[in-house]
Amino acid sequence: MSFLRFSTAILAIIALLSPGLAAGGFENAPFGIQARGMAGAFRAVADDWTAAHYNPAGYARLQDNQLGGSVGLIHLRHELNPDYRLGGTYELGVFNDQVNYNKHEVYSNPSGGFLARLPIMGEIVAGFSIFQPFDNNITWTLYDLPLAYNDSLTTPSDQYSSNLDVVAFQLTVAREIVEEKVSFGLGLQVLRADLIYTNLLFRDNPYEGTPLAVRPWDKITEWNHNDGYGWGFGLRAGLMFDLTDKLNLGLTGSMPFDITVEGTSKLEYYMPLNSDLVGLGSIDGEDYDPGTPEYLFASGTKIVDTADFEAELKLPASMAMGLAYSVSERLLIALDAEYTFWSSYDGLNLVFSNHRGLTGAADTSAFVREFFTADVSYPVDWKNSARVALGARYHFRDLLTVLAGWALDQSPAGESGNLSPQFIDTGDKRTFSSGIIYHHNQWDFGLAGSYTRYPDLTLSAEDSDSDGLPDYMTGQYKASTYETFLSFNYRF
């Protein structure tokens, strides 16, 4: 009982120290039908193939071999009313003072795995699974070139987008340490990260102090598109204790190692169109004729550069604890608390190399080439965050299982205001989940759904680098997420 009191106290401390709990960031929502239906409160239960993620020690408790899979269908319904202006006054072309919606798409998140009991070292359970511990996918159209800046060009529609998928290929082994009391599981992961990231940048015109850089041509519009991938490794471990006949305790920890993402970048510059300067020859000692560097910044052309890029993706480690109590043979209640070290994630720093595509003065002038080939950084200052989930499972006769859950999530970015259209996480959010599982002989078929409500947020301007622009996309944010999950599980 003293160990039980200690475990319960630890859960309570994690909850109290996190003022509005959450996994946040781009950590994936719970997958697998039971875990999803119970809002992720599954670490002390872990009694199907998804234990590979929630608690690998759960494998040792399973009496059947299993083959299972699930797919999550995710729909993001986010709103952004920007207030993004140069110096708080001058328009740049962002769709300010109007409600904008992200591109409405239904994204799929598949996962699957199998496990088998093996007569090795007495008896161990081993399995292989594929799932996504981290995921983010969103696209916005929020901008058009102002007519006074350039009335002849248009930017792509995927101006602000992020498609980040981190897939884990995990080999899991588990066994009992103390028979029917304590079990241990370990997952060895190969991680594949795929990143497609686009952003609009408003760069300082390098010809500051000349007629080329007067308002509205003092900022140069750059569209930055990056497509790459990388490989890494990770570890996931778990312990499960039977504290009593009715009460289980689960402990887990995960440690993904940094992944170097490499790929190709396209840097498109939408240059100002200044008809008063183009073709007028020399003005104030500067030559604006075709072929000169100055001409590039007045002719209204699009300049395209292609380069290789490299970025370090620093994924966060996490630790978690769960309790599961069997109220009766049919009813189980579970409580989870997870703490994620998001402070290790510092954003994306894109280092370019092997530039190709620049021609003429854009390539031969060292001054403007330096401008067109500059590295790009998207830093964040996120905080560690926590997540608490409460779930229930009820076996209704032998044919049907009913699931329900509720979770509180803390945003790693909410207090710092490090928000961008690519990563919407406005603050402490709440998730409501429910689901059913139909049992037929050795088959289990599941359906679950969830709704996540984010708090509204108004992000005010902060200009730490004194470039006249807010550090992040300021404005009013609203967000909600709808998810539907389908699954099957075959026991043999």
Protein backbone atom coordinates (compact mmCIF):
# COMPACT_ATOMS: atom_id res chain seq x y z
CA MET A 1 0.00 0.00 0.00
CA SER A 2 2.90 2.38 0.60
CA PHE A 3 4.04 1.86 -3.01
CA LEU A 4 0.49 2.50 -4.18
CA ARG A 5 0.32 5.75 -2.22
CA PHE A 6 3.70 6.79 -3.62
CA SER A 7 2.60 6.10 -7.23
CA THR A 8 -0.66 7.97 -6.79
CA ALA A 9 1.22 10.92 -5.26
CA ILE A 10 3.59 11.08 -8.25
CA LEU A 11 0.61 11.26 -10.63
CA ALA A 12 -0.91 14.03 -8.54
CA ILE A 13 2.35 16.01 -8.43
CA ILE A 14 2.70 15.89 -12.22
CA ALA A 15 -0.84 17.16 -12.54
CA LEU A 16 -0.41 19.96 -10.03
CA LEU A 17 2.87 21.18 -11.48
CA SER A 18 1.32 21.50 -14.95
CA PRO A 19 -1.26 24.30 -14.79
CA GLY A 20 -3.09 23.17 -17.90
CA LEU A 21 -1.77 19.82 -18.97
CA ALA A 22 -0.88 18.71 -22.49
CA ALA A 23 1.43 16.83 -24.82
CA GLY A 24 1.09 19.63 -27.35
CA GLY A 25 3.56 20.52 -30.06
CA PHE A 26 3.44 18.02 -32.92
CA GLU A 27 3.34 14.87 -30.80
CA ASN A 28 0.84 12.49 -32.32
CA ALA A 29 -2.56 11.88 -30.79
CA PRO A 30 -3.12 8.42 -29.28
CA PHE A 31 -3.60 5.71 -31.89
CA GLY A 32 -5.09 2.25 -31.69
CA ILE A 33 -8.77 1.92 -30.97
CA GLN A 34 -8.61 1.26 -27.24
CA ALA A 35 -6.08 3.97 -26.47
CA ARG A 36 -7.88 6.47 -28.72
CA GLY A 37 -11.28 5.71 -27.23
CA MET A 38 -9.82 6.14 -23.73
CA ALA A 39 -8.10 9.45 -24.69
CA GLY A 40 -4.67 7.86 -24.28
CA ALA A 41 -5.11 6.55 -20.71
CA PHE A 42 -3.63 3.21 -21.68
CA ARG A 43 -0.15 2.80 -20.18
CA ALA A 44 -1.27 0.66 -17.26
CA VAL A 45 -3.65 -1.32 -19.52
CA ALA A 46 -1.59 -1.97 -22.68
CA ASP A 47 -3.36 -5.22 -23.56
CA ASP A 48 -3.23 -5.17 -27.35
CA TRP A 49 -0.56 -4.74 -30.04
CA THR A 50 -0.41 -0.96 -29.51
CA ALA A 51 1.39 -1.63 -26.22
CA ALA A 52 4.53 -1.29 -28.37
CA HIS A 53 3.95 2.47 -28.08
CA TYR A 54 2.06 2.93 -24.81
CA ASN A 55 3.93 0.42 -22.65
CA PRO A 56 6.10 -2.32 -24.20
CA ALA A 57 5.89 -4.26 -20.92
CA GLY A 58 2.26 -4.98 -21.73
CA TYR A 59 3.37 -7.49 -24.36
CA ALA A 60 4.41 -9.91 -21.61
CA ARG A 61 0.82 -10.01 -20.29
CA LEU A 62 -0.79 -10.98 -23.59
CA GLN A 63 -1.77 -14.61 -23.90
CA ASP A 64 -2.54 -14.58 -27.64
CA ASN A 65 -0.48 -13.82 -30.69
CA GLN A 66 -1.93 -10.73 -32.36
CA LEU A 67 -2.03 -9.00 -35.72
CA GLY A 68 -3.64 -5.57 -35.82
CA GLY A 69 -3.92 -2.28 -37.60
CA SER A 70 -5.67 1.06 -37.35
CA VAL A 71 -6.10 4.24 -39.33
CA GLY A 72 -6.88 7.68 -38.01
CA LEU A 73 -8.73 10.20 -40.19
CA ILE A 74 -7.88 13.69 -38.98
CA HIS A 75 -9.58 16.95 -39.88
CA LEU A 76 -8.13 20.26 -38.64
CA ARG A 77 -10.58 23.17 -38.40
CA HIS A 78 -8.37 26.15 -37.62
CA GLU A 79 -9.00 29.88 -38.05
CA LEU A 80 -6.58 32.79 -38.20
CA ASN A 81 -7.45 36.48 -38.34
CA PRO A 82 -4.01 38.07 -38.86
CA ASP A 83 -2.84 41.46 -37.69
CA TYR A 84 0.61 41.39 -39.27
CA ARG A 85 1.99 44.74 -40.38
CA LEU A 86 5.35 46.41 -40.77
CA GLY A 87 5.85 48.65 -37.77
CA GLY A 88 2.27 47.87 -36.80
CA THR A 89 1.05 50.17 -39.59
CA TYR A 90 2.12 49.28 -43.13
CA GLU A 91 0.45 46.48 -45.06
CA LEU A 92 2.64 43.76 -46.57
CA GLY A 93 -0.05 41.81 -48.40
CA VAL A 94 -1.10 39.48 -45.56
CA PHE A 95 -4.86 38.97 -45.42
CA ASN A 96 -5.29 41.07 -42.29
CA ASP A 97 -8.57 41.75 -40.50
CA GLN A 98 -10.39 38.81 -42.04
CA VAL A 99 -10.95 35.23 -40.95
CA ASN A 100 -8.82 32.75 -42.87
CA TYR A 101 -9.18 28.96 -42.73
CA ASN A 102 -6.55 26.31 -43.22
CA LYS A 103 -6.89 24.12 -46.29
CA HIS A 104 -9.57 21.63 -45.32
CA GLU A 105 -8.30 18.12 -45.92
CA VAL A 106 -8.77 14.78 -44.19
CA TYR A 107 -5.37 13.36 -43.34
CA SER A 108 -4.81 9.67 -42.72
CA ASN A 109 -2.56 8.25 -40.03
CA PRO A 110 -2.15 4.48 -40.44
CA SER A 111 -0.40 2.12 -38.02
CA GLY A 112 -0.04 -1.63 -37.59
CA GLY A 113 1.84 -4.42 -35.90
CA PHE A 114 2.02 -8.03 -34.82
CA LEU A 115 3.39 -9.96 -31.86
CA ALA A 116 4.03 -13.58 -30.93
CA ARG A 117 5.02 -15.57 -27.84
CA LEU A 118 8.36 -17.30 -28.32
CA PRO A 119 9.95 -20.14 -26.27
CA ILE A 120 13.17 -18.19 -25.74
CA MET A 121 14.73 -17.53 -22.30
CA GLY A 122 11.77 -19.31 -20.75
CA GLU A 123 9.25 -17.33 -22.73
CA ILE A 124 9.39 -13.88 -24.24
CA VAL A 125 6.98 -11.94 -26.40
CA ALA A 126 8.37 -10.21 -29.48
CA GLY A 127 6.72 -8.06 -32.09
CA PHE A 128 7.18 -5.55 -34.86
CA SER A 129 5.08 -2.42 -35.33
CA ILE A 130 4.92 0.72 -37.43
CA PHE A 131 3.39 3.93 -36.11
CA GLN A 132 3.85 7.72 -36.09
CA PRO A 133 4.92 9.18 -32.73
CA PHE A 134 5.10 12.68 -34.26
CA ASP A 135 2.97 14.18 -37.01
CA ASN A 136 1.87 17.58 -38.30
CA ASN A 137 0.09 18.52 -41.51
CA ILE A 138 -1.45 21.91 -42.30
CA THR A 139 -1.57 24.40 -45.20
CA TRP A 140 -2.62 28.05 -45.37
CA THR A 141 -3.09 30.73 -48.04
CA LEU A 142 -2.71 34.07 -46.27
CA TYR A 143 -1.01 36.44 -48.71
CA ASP A 144 -1.06 38.18 -52.05
CA LEU A 145 1.50 40.59 -53.47
CA PRO A 146 0.29 44.20 -53.04
CA LEU A 147 -0.36 45.93 -56.35
CA ALA A 148 1.90 48.80 -55.35
CA TYR A 149 4.73 46.32 -54.78
CA ASN A 150 4.27 44.16 -57.89
CA ASP A 151 1.09 43.83 -59.93
CA SER A 152 2.35 41.18 -62.36
CA LEU A 153 3.29 38.17 -60.18
CA THR A 154 1.44 35.81 -57.84
CA THR A 155 2.76 33.54 -55.10
CA PRO A 156 1.94 29.81 -54.70
CA SER A 157 -1.12 28.85 -52.65
CA ASP A 158 0.83 26.71 -50.16
CA GLN A 159 2.46 29.76 -48.65
CA TYR A 160 2.52 28.54 -45.07
CA SER A 161 2.56 24.77 -44.73
CA SER A 162 4.10 21.98 -42.73
CA ASN A 163 3.95 18.27 -43.46
CA LEU A 164 6.10 16.53 -40.87
CA ASP A 165 5.84 12.76 -40.42
CA VAL A 166 8.08 10.81 -38.06
CA VAL A 167 7.47 7.08 -38.51
CA ALA A 168 8.80 4.53 -36.03
CA PHE A 169 9.71 1.02 -37.17
CA GLN A 170 9.89 -0.69 -33.79
CA LEU A 171 11.08 -4.14 -32.70
CA THR A 172 9.70 -4.88 -29.24
CA VAL A 173 10.62 -7.63 -26.77
CA ALA A 174 9.06 -8.18 -23.35
CA ARG A 175 9.01 -10.75 -20.58
CA GLU A 176 7.90 -11.20 -17.01
CA ILE A 177 10.52 -10.38 -14.38
CA VAL A 178 8.42 -11.54 -11.43
CA GLU A 179 5.77 -14.04 -12.46
CA GLU A 180 2.34 -12.44 -12.65
CA LYS A 181 3.67 -9.38 -10.82
CA VAL A 182 6.26 -7.41 -12.78
CA SER A 183 7.02 -7.28 -16.50
CA PHE A 184 9.51 -5.31 -18.61
CA GLY A 185 9.50 -4.36 -22.26
CA LEU A 186 11.95 -2.63 -24.59
CA GLY A 187 11.38 -1.17 -28.04
CA LEU A 188 14.23 -0.49 -30.46
CA GLN A 189 13.25 2.04 -33.10
CA VAL A 190 14.41 3.07 -36.51
CA LEU A 191 12.89 6.51 -37.18
CA ARG A 192 12.14 8.00 -40.57
CA ALA A 193 11.41 11.73 -40.68
CA ASP A 194 9.81 13.29 -43.78
CA LEU A 195 9.52 17.06 -43.92
CA ILE A 196 7.84 19.38 -46.40
CA TYR A 197 7.90 22.93 -45.08
CA THR A 198 7.03 26.21 -46.77
CA ASN A 199 7.01 29.76 -45.49
CA LEU A 200 6.84 33.36 -46.66
CA LEU A 201 9.65 35.65 -45.55
CA PHE A 202 9.82 39.42 -45.75
CA ARG A 203 13.51 40.17 -46.12
CA ASP A 204 15.16 43.54 -45.65
CA ASN A 205 16.01 45.07 -49.00
CA PRO A 206 19.84 45.11 -49.15
CA TYR A 207 19.76 48.47 -50.98
CA GLU A 208 18.64 50.30 -47.87
CA GLY A 209 19.09 54.06 -48.18
CA THR A 210 18.59 54.13 -51.97
CA PRO A 211 15.48 54.74 -54.12
CA LEU A 212 15.28 50.93 -54.54
CA ALA A 213 14.32 50.42 -50.90
CA VAL A 214 11.73 53.08 -50.19
CA ARG A 215 8.31 52.00 -48.98
CA PRO A 216 6.69 49.71 -50.28
CA TRP A 217 9.88 48.12 -51.64
CA ASP A 218 11.82 48.05 -48.38
CA LYS A 219 10.88 44.37 -47.81
CA ILE A 220 11.52 41.62 -50.39
CA THR A 221 9.04 38.74 -50.49
CA GLU A 222 10.64 35.27 -50.44
CA TRP A 223 8.78 31.97 -50.69
CA ASN A 224 10.84 29.20 -49.15
CA HIS A 225 9.96 25.56 -49.96
CA ASN A 226 11.87 22.64 -48.42
CA ASP A 227 11.41 18.92 -49.06
CA GLY A 228 13.64 16.37 -47.34
CA TYR A 229 13.95 13.33 -45.14
CA GLY A 230 16.27 11.71 -42.63
CA TRP A 231 16.83 8.58 -40.56
CA GLY A 232 17.49 8.16 -36.85
CA PHE A 233 17.06 5.86 -33.90
CA GLY A 234 15.01 5.78 -30.73
CA LEU A 235 14.34 3.78 -27.60
CA ARG A 236 11.08 3.11 -25.79
CA ALA A 237 10.91 1.15 -22.53
CA GLY A 238 8.24 0.23 -20.02
CA LEU A 239 7.53 -1.49 -16.73
CA MET A 240 4.23 -2.86 -15.48
CA PHE A 241 3.44 -3.79 -11.88
CA ASP A 242 0.45 -5.65 -10.49
CA LEU A 243 0.04 -3.72 -7.25
CA THR A 244 -3.05 -5.70 -6.27
CA ASP A 245 -5.43 -8.07 -8.02
CA LYS A 246 -7.34 -5.06 -9.28
CA LEU A 247 -4.74 -2.30 -9.60
CA ASN A 248 -1.92 -2.02 -12.17
CA LEU A 249 0.85 0.54 -12.45
CA GLY A 250 2.62 1.33 -15.72
CA LEU A 251 5.84 3.32 -16.20
CA THR A 252 7.29 4.28 -19.58
CA GLY A 253 10.01 6.37 -21.10
CA SER A 254 11.00 7.23 -24.65
CA MET A 255 14.14 8.76 -26.11
CA PRO A 256 14.29 9.62 -29.82
CA PHE A 257 17.70 10.71 -31.00
CA ASP A 258 18.22 13.78 -33.18
CA ILE A 259 17.56 13.29 -36.89
CA THR A 260 19.44 15.12 -39.61
CA VAL A 261 16.96 15.98 -42.36
CA GLU A 262 18.46 16.56 -45.80
CA GLY A 263 16.76 17.52 -49.04
CA THR A 264 16.16 20.16 -51.66
CA SER A 265 15.02 23.73 -51.20
CA LYS A 266 13.48 26.16 -53.65
CA LEU A 267 13.91 29.84 -52.86
CA GLU A 268 11.66 32.09 -54.94
CA TYR A 269 12.07 35.86 -54.71
CA TYR A 270 9.22 38.09 -55.91
CA MET A 271 11.06 41.27 -56.75
CA PRO A 272 9.61 44.79 -56.57
CA LEU A 273 8.30 46.40 -59.74
CA ASN A 274 9.48 50.01 -59.73
CA SER A 275 8.65 51.42 -63.18
CA ASP A 276 10.05 54.82 -62.23
CA LEU A 277 13.55 53.38 -62.06
CA VAL A 278 13.60 50.60 -64.68
CA GLY A 279 15.22 51.68 -67.92
CA LEU A 280 16.13 55.18 -66.79
CA GLY A 281 19.83 54.48 -66.79
CA SER A 282 21.93 56.11 -64.09
CA ILE A 283 20.28 57.88 -61.16
CA ASP A 284 22.31 59.30 -58.30
CA GLY A 285 25.31 57.35 -59.50
CA GLU A 286 23.46 54.02 -59.62
CA ASP A 287 22.87 52.12 -62.86
CA TYR A 288 19.39 50.51 -63.22
CA ASP A 289 19.79 49.09 -66.72
CA PRO A 290 19.16 45.38 -67.48
CA GLY A 291 22.02 43.14 -66.43
CA THR A 292 22.91 45.20 -63.37
CA PRO A 293 22.28 44.03 -59.78
CA GLU A 294 20.16 47.13 -59.18
CA TYR A 295 17.90 46.20 -62.07
CA LEU A 296 16.95 42.97 -60.29
CA PHE A 297 15.45 44.97 -57.43
CA ALA A 298 13.28 47.16 -59.65
CA SER A 299 12.24 45.00 -62.62
CA GLY A 300 9.46 42.95 -60.97
CA THR A 301 10.91 39.59 -62.02
CA LYS A 302 10.79 36.31 -60.12
CA ILE A 303 14.20 34.94 -59.19
CA VAL A 304 14.43 31.23 -58.45
CA ASP A 305 17.28 29.53 -56.65
CA THR A 306 17.55 25.81 -55.91
CA ALA A 307 19.78 24.46 -53.18
CA ASP A 308 20.42 21.47 -50.95
CA PHE A 309 19.53 21.91 -47.30
CA GLU A 310 20.30 20.29 -43.98
CA ALA A 311 18.40 20.72 -40.71
CA GLU A 312 18.67 19.08 -37.31
CA LEU A 313 15.34 17.79 -36.00
CA LYS A 314 15.59 17.60 -32.21
CA LEU A 315 12.70 15.41 -31.10
CA PRO A 316 11.74 15.47 -27.40
CA ALA A 317 12.08 12.64 -24.91
CA SER A 318 9.18 11.85 -22.57
CA MET A 319 8.27 9.91 -19.45
CA ALA A 320 4.88 8.75 -18.27
CA MET A 321 3.01 6.90 -15.56
CA GLY A 322 -0.38 5.25 -15.53
CA LEU A 323 -2.76 3.52 -13.14
CA ALA A 324 -5.54 1.13 -14.11
CA TYR A 325 -8.19 -0.12 -11.69
CA SER A 326 -10.59 -2.98 -12.42
CA VAL A 327 -13.82 -1.91 -10.73
CA SER A 328 -15.41 -5.19 -11.79
CA GLU A 329 -14.87 -7.91 -14.36
CA ARG A 330 -16.46 -5.65 -16.95
CA LEU A 331 -15.47 -2.09 -15.94
CA LEU A 332 -11.93 -0.68 -15.92
CA ILE A 333 -10.86 2.90 -15.17
CA ALA A 334 -7.41 4.27 -16.10
CA LEU A 335 -5.46 7.44 -15.37
CA ASP A 336 -2.31 8.58 -17.22
CA ALA A 337 0.18 11.42 -16.83
CA GLU A 338 2.89 12.14 -19.41
CA TYR A 339 5.67 14.74 -19.35
CA THR A 340 7.37 15.72 -22.63
CA PHE A 341 10.66 17.62 -22.79
CA TRP A 342 9.74 20.05 -25.53
CA SER A 343 12.45 22.48 -24.43
CA SER A 344 14.93 20.36 -26.41
CA TYR A 345 13.14 21.26 -29.66
CA ASP A 346 14.48 24.60 -30.92
CA GLY A 347 12.74 24.87 -34.29
CA LEU A 348 14.23 24.51 -37.75
CA ASN A 349 17.56 25.95 -38.82
CA LEU A 350 17.99 25.39 -42.57
CA VAL A 351 21.58 25.43 -43.77
CA PHE A 352 21.84 25.68 -47.57
CA SER A 353 24.59 24.44 -49.86
CA ASN A 354 25.17 23.70 -53.56
CA HIS A 355 23.14 26.65 -54.81
CA ARG A 356 22.13 26.37 -58.44
CA GLY A 357 19.73 28.34 -60.61
CA LEU A 358 20.92 31.88 -60.10
CA THR A 359 22.01 33.56 -63.30
CA GLY A 360 23.38 36.90 -64.49
CA ALA A 361 23.87 39.62 -61.91
CA ALA A 362 22.16 37.50 -59.24
CA ASP A 363 25.07 35.09 -59.52
CA THR A 364 28.01 37.30 -60.45
CA SER A 365 27.48 40.06 -57.89
CA ALA A 366 28.74 38.87 -54.50
CA PHE A 367 26.58 41.48 -52.79
CA VAL A 368 23.23 40.25 -54.13
CA ARG A 369 24.27 36.57 -54.27
CA GLU A 370 24.77 36.69 -50.52
CA PHE A 371 21.22 37.99 -50.19
CA PHE A 372 19.69 35.29 -52.41
CA THR A 373 21.60 32.39 -50.81
CA ALA A 374 21.20 33.27 -47.11
CA ASP A 375 20.36 30.45 -44.70
CA VAL A 376 16.90 30.47 -43.11
CA SER A 377 16.06 29.88 -39.47
CA TYR A 378 12.68 29.31 -37.80
CA PRO A 379 13.56 29.25 -34.09
CA VAL A 380 11.16 28.54 -31.22
CA ASP A 381 11.47 28.69 -27.46
CA TRP A 382 9.11 25.97 -26.29
CA LYS A 383 8.59 24.78 -22.73
CA ASN A 384 8.28 21.28 -21.33
CA SER A 385 4.65 20.20 -21.13
CA ALA A 386 2.49 17.50 -19.62
CA ARG A 387 -0.62 15.52 -20.46
CA VAL A 388 -3.22 13.93 -18.18
CA ALA A 389 -5.85 11.51 -19.44
CA LEU A 390 -8.73 9.69 -17.78
CA GLY A 391 -10.36 6.76 -19.55
CA ALA A 392 -12.87 3.98 -18.99
CA ARG A 393 -13.57 0.64 -20.68
CA TYR A 394 -16.71 -1.44 -20.24
CA HIS A 395 -17.27 -4.91 -21.65
CA PHE A 396 -20.95 -5.09 -22.55
CA ARG A 397 -21.67 -8.81 -22.73
CA ASP A 398 -19.15 -10.71 -24.90
CA LEU A 399 -19.80 -8.94 -28.17
CA LEU A 400 -19.19 -5.30 -27.46
CA THR A 401 -16.74 -3.08 -25.60
CA VAL A 402 -17.55 0.58 -24.95
CA LEU A 403 -14.79 3.18 -24.46
CA ALA A 404 -14.73 6.77 -23.21
CA GLY A 405 -12.01 9.23 -22.27
CA TRP A 406 -11.06 12.80 -21.48
CA ALA A 407 -7.67 14.50 -21.61
CA LEU A 408 -6.12 17.84 -20.62
CA ASP A 409 -3.16 19.09 -22.64
CA GLN A 410 -0.66 21.86 -22.08
CA SER A 411 0.82 23.82 -24.97
CA PRO A 412 4.61 24.11 -25.05
CA ALA A 413 4.24 27.30 -27.09
CA GLY A 414 1.25 29.02 -25.51
CA GLU A 415 3.04 31.10 -22.87
CA SER A 416 5.96 32.06 -25.12
CA GLY A 417 3.75 33.08 -28.05
CA ASN A 418 5.96 31.09 -30.44
CA LEU A 419 3.07 30.50 -32.84
CA SER A 420 3.10 30.24 -36.59
CA PRO A 421 0.49 29.07 -39.09
CA GLN A 422 2.55 25.87 -39.50
CA PHE A 423 2.20 24.88 -35.82
CA ILE A 424 -1.09 25.89 -34.21
CA ASP A 425 -1.00 25.18 -30.48
CA THR A 426 -2.79 28.04 -28.75
CA GLY A 427 -2.83 26.78 -25.16
CA ASP A 428 -4.28 24.23 -22.78
CA LYS A 429 -6.72 22.08 -24.69
CA ARG A 430 -9.29 19.42 -23.92
CA THR A 431 -10.03 16.21 -25.77
CA PHE A 432 -13.18 14.12 -25.52
CA SER A 433 -13.10 10.59 -26.93
CA SER A 434 -15.40 7.61 -27.23
CA GLY A 435 -15.48 4.35 -29.13
CA ILE A 436 -16.81 0.82 -29.49
CA ILE A 437 -15.21 -2.52 -30.30
CA TYR A 438 -17.20 -5.40 -31.79
CA HIS A 439 -15.87 -8.88 -30.99
CA HIS A 440 -16.48 -11.78 -33.36
CA ASN A 441 -14.67 -15.03 -32.60
CA GLN A 442 -10.97 -14.09 -32.80
CA TRP A 443 -11.59 -10.75 -34.50
CA ASP A 444 -12.01 -7.32 -32.95
CA PHE A 445 -13.32 -4.42 -35.05
CA GLY A 446 -13.26 -0.92 -33.62
CA LEU A 447 -14.61 2.56 -34.29
CA ALA A 448 -13.68 5.63 -32.22
CA GLY A 449 -13.91 9.38 -32.49
CA SER A 450 -12.55 12.39 -30.66
CA TYR A 451 -12.92 16.14 -30.54
CA THR A 452 -10.18 18.51 -29.37
CA ARG A 453 -10.99 22.09 -28.47
CA TYR A 454 -8.21 24.68 -28.28
CA PRO A 455 -8.57 27.95 -26.40
CA ASP A 456 -8.88 31.13 -28.46
CA LEU A 457 -5.73 33.22 -28.50
CA THR A 458 -4.89 36.77 -29.50
CA LEU A 459 -1.17 37.05 -30.16
CA SER A 460 0.24 40.56 -29.87
CA ALA A 461 3.31 41.95 -31.59
CA GLU A 462 6.82 41.42 -30.31
CA ASP A 463 9.82 42.51 -32.37
CA SER A 464 12.94 41.22 -30.62
CA ASP A 465 15.20 41.63 -33.66
CA SER A 466 14.06 45.21 -34.40
CA ASP A 467 13.32 44.56 -38.08
CA GLY A 468 9.92 46.25 -37.88
CA LEU A 469 8.01 42.95 -38.08
CA PRO A 470 6.50 40.85 -35.29
CA ASP A 471 8.60 37.77 -34.55
CA TYR A 472 5.61 35.50 -35.13
CA MET A 473 2.34 35.72 -37.02
CA THR A 474 0.24 38.00 -34.84
CA GLY A 475 -3.54 37.97 -34.80
CA GLN A 476 -6.48 35.98 -33.46
CA TYR A 477 -6.29 32.17 -33.46
CA LYS A 478 -9.08 29.63 -33.11
CA ALA A 479 -8.63 25.89 -33.51
CA SER A 480 -10.34 22.53 -33.16
CA THR A 481 -9.59 19.01 -34.37
CA TYR A 482 -11.91 16.15 -35.31
CA GLU A 483 -10.62 12.59 -35.52
CA THR A 484 -12.16 9.25 -36.51
CA PHE A 485 -10.38 5.93 -35.99
CA LEU A 486 -10.96 2.51 -37.49
CA SER A 487 -9.19 -0.66 -36.38
CA PHE A 488 -9.00 -4.42 -36.53
CA ASN A 489 -7.24 -6.97 -34.34
CA TYR A 490 -6.83 -10.69 -34.96
CA ARG A 491 -5.95 -12.99 -32.05
CA PHE A 492 -4.47 -16.39 -32.80
